[in-house]
């Protein structure tokens, strides 16, 4: 009996079972679009001030 032909196909190794919702290359986060560090720091400082 050839057991290799029974059941579903095996999933390739080291691959995720699903795609990440925030993966690069999607509409939400396209390739090459990174926020500048200065903009990030400004947002962080504004959030810190808002919390006080």
C-alpha atoms as a PDB file:
ATOM      1  CA  UNK A   1       0.000   0.000   0.000  1.00  0.00           C
ATOM      2  CA  UNK A   2       1.365   3.425  -0.959  1.00  0.00           C
ATOM      3  CA  UNK A   3       0.745   5.677   2.042  1.00  0.00           C
ATOM      4  CA  UNK A   4       2.322   8.705   0.374  1.00  0.00           C
ATOM      5  CA  UNK A   5      -0.747   9.051  -1.882  1.00  0.00           C
ATOM      6  CA  UNK A   6      -3.215   9.174   1.022  1.00  0.00           C
ATOM      7  CA  UNK A   7      -4.472  12.375   2.604  1.00  0.00           C
ATOM      8  CA  UNK A   8      -3.840  15.984   1.678  1.00  0.00           C
ATOM      9  CA  UNK A   9      -0.653  17.451   0.362  1.00  0.00           C
ATOM     10  CA  UNK A  10       1.981  18.409   2.910  1.00  0.00           C
ATOM     11  CA  UNK A  11       2.557  22.098   3.591  1.00  0.00           C
ATOM     12  CA  UNK A  12       6.021  23.320   2.548  1.00  0.00           C
ATOM     13  CA  UNK A  13       8.348  23.687   5.498  1.00  0.00           C
ATOM     14  CA  UNK A  14       9.168  27.088   7.046  1.00  0.00           C
ATOM     15  CA  UNK A  15       6.212  28.879   5.475  1.00  0.00           C
ATOM     16  CA  UNK A  16       3.514  30.681   7.439  1.00  0.00           C
ATOM     17  CA  UNK A  17      -0.019  29.306   7.361  1.00  0.00           C
ATOM     18  CA  UNK A  18      -1.404  32.759   6.629  1.00  0.00           C
ATOM     19  CA  UNK A  19      -0.308  36.141   5.247  1.00  0.00           C
ATOM     20  CA  UNK A  20       0.410  38.938   7.698  1.00  0.00           C
ATOM     21  CA  UNK A  21      -2.120  41.766   7.710  1.00  0.00           C
ATOM     22  CA  UNK A  22       0.578  44.444   7.765  1.00  0.00           C
ATOM     23  CA  UNK A  23       3.137  42.864   5.450  1.00  0.00           C
ATOM     24  CA  UNK A  24       5.163  45.087   3.136  1.00  0.00           C
ATOM     25  CA  UNK A  25       3.936  45.228  -0.422  1.00  0.00           C
ATOM     26  CA  UNK A  26       0.257  45.591   0.492  1.00  0.00           C
ATOM     27  CA  UNK A  27      -1.979  48.636   0.050  1.00  0.00           C
ATOM     28  CA  UNK A  28      -1.537  49.577   3.714  1.00  0.00           C
ATOM     29  CA  UNK A  29       2.256  49.428   3.681  1.00  0.00           C
ATOM     30  CA  UNK A  30       3.631  49.636   0.122  1.00  0.00           C
ATOM     31  CA  UNK A  31       7.288  49.020  -0.645  1.00  0.00           C
ATOM     32  CA  UNK A  32       9.588  52.020  -0.279  1.00  0.00           C
ATOM     33  CA  UNK A  33       7.222  54.000   1.930  1.00  0.00           C
ATOM     34  CA  UNK A  34       8.850  54.481   5.305  1.00  0.00           C
ATOM     35  CA  UNK A  35       8.070  57.308   7.685  1.00  0.00           C
ATOM     36  CA  UNK A  36      11.041  59.623   8.213  1.00  0.00           C
ATOM     37  CA  UNK A  37      12.594  59.309  11.657  1.00  0.00           C
ATOM     38  CA  UNK A  38      12.061  62.997  12.440  1.00  0.00           C
ATOM     39  CA  UNK A  39       8.344  62.616  11.759  1.00  0.00           C
ATOM     40  CA  UNK A  40       8.209  59.574  14.020  1.00  0.00           C
ATOM     41  CA  UNK A  41       9.980  61.412  16.841  1.00  0.00           C
ATOM     42  CA  UNK A  42       7.623  64.374  16.506  1.00  0.00           C
ATOM     43  CA  UNK A  43       4.606  62.065  16.782  1.00  0.00           C
ATOM     44  CA  UNK A  44       6.121  60.315  19.807  1.00  0.00           C
ATOM     45  CA  UNK A  45       6.842  63.622  21.550  1.00  0.00           C
ATOM     46  CA  UNK A  46       3.321  64.876  20.841  1.00  0.00           C
ATOM     47  CA  UNK A  47       1.853  61.673  22.269  1.00  0.00           C
ATOM     48  CA  UNK A  48       4.044  61.982  25.380  1.00  0.00           C
ATOM     49  CA  UNK A  49       2.938  65.579  25.938  1.00  0.00           C
ATOM     50  CA  UNK A  50      -0.705  64.661  25.420  1.00  0.00           C
ATOM     51  CA  UNK A  51      -0.422  61.962  28.106  1.00  0.00           C
ATOM     52  CA  UNK A  52       0.868  64.368  30.789  1.00  0.00           C
END
